[in-house]
Amino acid sequence: MAGLRSFLKKNEKVNLYAISVDPPERGREFAKKIASDGKGEVGFSLLSDPEHRTIDAYGLVDPAYQGQKIYGIPYAAVYVIDKQGRVVWTKIESDYKQRPTNNEIRAALSALK
């Protein structure tokens, strides 16, 4: 997520959100931790989904955590959604260490124009 903090271009008309099961205060702490490296603040919204409603709606719950205290952890996923609310690009990874590159996301956004 730290790599996304400089993703958006100045005056770009794109909204970027990160969603996690963590409560809002943990998201704020995480954003501060990222910013503490001196490379900039997180410039997008960190949304809290502790009851994993959105995560469930998109079918992203990782079954590896079922029955554990941290149940509801999602697969790493990126969605590009157009102005009409349609999902136009998706990348879902079962390995949380694998994330789409900024170039992949940028290409998906460019395809919208």
Protein backbone atom coordinates (compact mmCIF):
# COMPACT_ATOMS: atom_id res chain seq x y z
CA MET A 1 0.00 0.00 0.00
CA ALA A 2 2.93 2.32 0.57
CA GLY A 3 3.64 2.20 -3.16
CA LEU A 4 0.20 3.61 -3.92
CA ARG A 5 0.70 6.81 -1.92
CA SER A 6 2.23 8.53 -4.93
CA PHE A 7 0.02 6.79 -7.50
CA LEU A 8 -2.48 9.55 -8.17
CA LYS A 9 -1.40 12.42 -10.39
CA LYS A 10 -2.05 16.01 -9.36
CA ASN A 11 -5.61 17.08 -10.29
CA GLU A 12 -6.42 13.58 -11.53
CA LYS A 13 -10.14 12.83 -11.33
CA VAL A 14 -9.76 9.38 -9.83
CA ASN A 15 -10.76 8.16 -6.38
CA LEU A 16 -8.59 5.55 -4.70
CA TYR A 17 -9.73 3.60 -1.64
CA ALA A 18 -8.20 0.83 0.43
CA ILE A 19 -10.58 -1.43 2.35
CA SER A 20 -9.61 -3.64 5.27
CA VAL A 21 -11.27 -5.43 8.15
CA ASP A 22 -9.31 -3.29 10.59
CA PRO A 23 -11.14 -0.69 12.68
CA PRO A 24 -10.66 2.96 11.63
CA GLU A 25 -8.13 3.72 14.37
CA ARG A 26 -5.88 0.89 13.17
CA GLY A 27 -6.10 2.26 9.62
CA ARG A 28 -5.01 5.68 10.87
CA GLU A 29 -2.10 4.09 12.75
CA PHE A 30 -1.10 2.17 9.62
CA ALA A 31 -1.17 5.35 7.52
CA LYS A 32 1.05 7.11 10.09
CA LYS A 33 3.46 4.18 10.06
CA ILE A 34 3.73 4.34 6.27
CA ALA A 35 4.29 8.11 6.37
CA SER A 36 6.98 7.75 9.05
CA ASP A 37 9.51 6.66 6.41
CA GLY A 38 9.63 10.26 5.15
CA LYS A 39 8.49 9.39 1.62
CA GLY A 40 5.09 11.02 1.96
CA GLU A 41 1.70 10.50 3.46
CA VAL A 42 -1.02 8.16 2.29
CA GLY A 43 -3.06 10.34 -0.05
CA PHE A 44 -6.15 8.15 -0.30
CA SER A 45 -8.91 6.92 1.98
CA LEU A 46 -8.48 3.85 4.16
CA LEU A 47 -11.95 2.41 4.69
CA SER A 48 -12.92 0.07 7.50
CA ASP A 49 -15.05 -3.03 6.87
CA PRO A 50 -14.84 -4.88 10.22
CA GLU A 51 -17.97 -6.91 9.47
CA HIS A 52 -16.54 -7.62 5.98
CA ARG A 53 -19.75 -6.70 4.18
CA THR A 54 -17.99 -5.31 1.13
CA ILE A 55 -15.36 -8.02 1.28
CA ASP A 56 -18.13 -10.66 1.36
CA ALA A 57 -20.11 -8.94 -1.40
CA TYR A 58 -17.12 -9.24 -3.73
CA GLY A 59 -16.37 -12.82 -2.64
CA LEU A 60 -12.91 -11.93 -1.36
CA VAL A 61 -12.80 -13.65 2.04
CA ASP A 62 -9.66 -15.77 2.20
CA PRO A 63 -10.75 -19.20 3.53
CA ALA A 64 -7.28 -19.75 5.02
CA TYR A 65 -8.40 -17.60 7.97
CA GLN A 66 -11.74 -19.35 8.58
CA GLY A 67 -12.30 -20.19 12.23
CA GLN A 68 -9.50 -17.90 13.35
CA LYS A 69 -9.70 -14.71 15.38
CA ILE A 70 -8.93 -12.69 12.24
CA TYR A 71 -11.59 -14.30 10.05
CA GLY A 72 -12.69 -12.05 7.23
CA ILE A 73 -9.24 -11.19 5.93
CA PRO A 74 -9.65 -10.69 2.17
CA TYR A 75 -7.54 -11.74 -0.73
CA ALA A 76 -5.43 -8.90 -2.07
CA ALA A 77 -7.57 -7.36 -4.80
CA VAL A 78 -7.76 -4.27 -6.97
CA TYR A 79 -10.85 -3.17 -8.84
CA VAL A 80 -11.12 -0.38 -11.38
CA ILE A 81 -14.68 0.88 -11.50
CA ASP A 82 -15.89 3.28 -14.18
CA LYS A 83 -18.14 6.32 -13.72
CA GLN A 84 -21.23 4.19 -14.27
CA GLY A 85 -20.24 1.89 -11.38
CA ARG A 86 -19.19 -1.03 -13.58
CA VAL A 87 -16.15 -3.09 -12.70
CA VAL A 88 -13.94 -2.80 -15.78
CA TRP A 89 -10.72 -4.38 -14.49
CA THR A 90 -9.91 -6.73 -11.65
CA LYS A 91 -6.88 -8.44 -10.24
CA ILE A 92 -7.26 -10.79 -7.27
CA GLU A 93 -4.31 -12.57 -5.70
CA SER A 94 -4.44 -15.51 -3.32
CA ASP A 95 -0.91 -14.64 -2.12
CA TYR A 96 -1.06 -11.33 -0.25
CA LYS A 97 2.58 -10.66 -1.19
CA GLN A 98 1.61 -10.50 -4.86
CA ARG A 99 -0.01 -7.23 -5.81
CA PRO A 100 -0.74 -5.63 -9.16
CA THR A 101 1.88 -3.10 -10.12
CA ASN A 102 1.10 0.59 -10.38
CA ASN A 103 1.75 0.25 -14.12
CA GLU A 104 -0.96 -2.43 -14.42
CA ILE A 105 -3.44 -0.26 -12.54
CA ARG A 106 -2.45 2.83 -14.55
CA ALA A 107 -3.00 0.88 -17.81
CA ALA A 108 -6.50 -0.11 -16.64
CA LEU A 109 -7.30 3.52 -15.84
CA SER A 110 -5.92 4.70 -19.18
CA ALA A 111 -8.20 2.23 -20.98
CA LEU A 112 -11.19 4.12 -19.56
CA LYS A 113 -10.40 7.25 -21.56
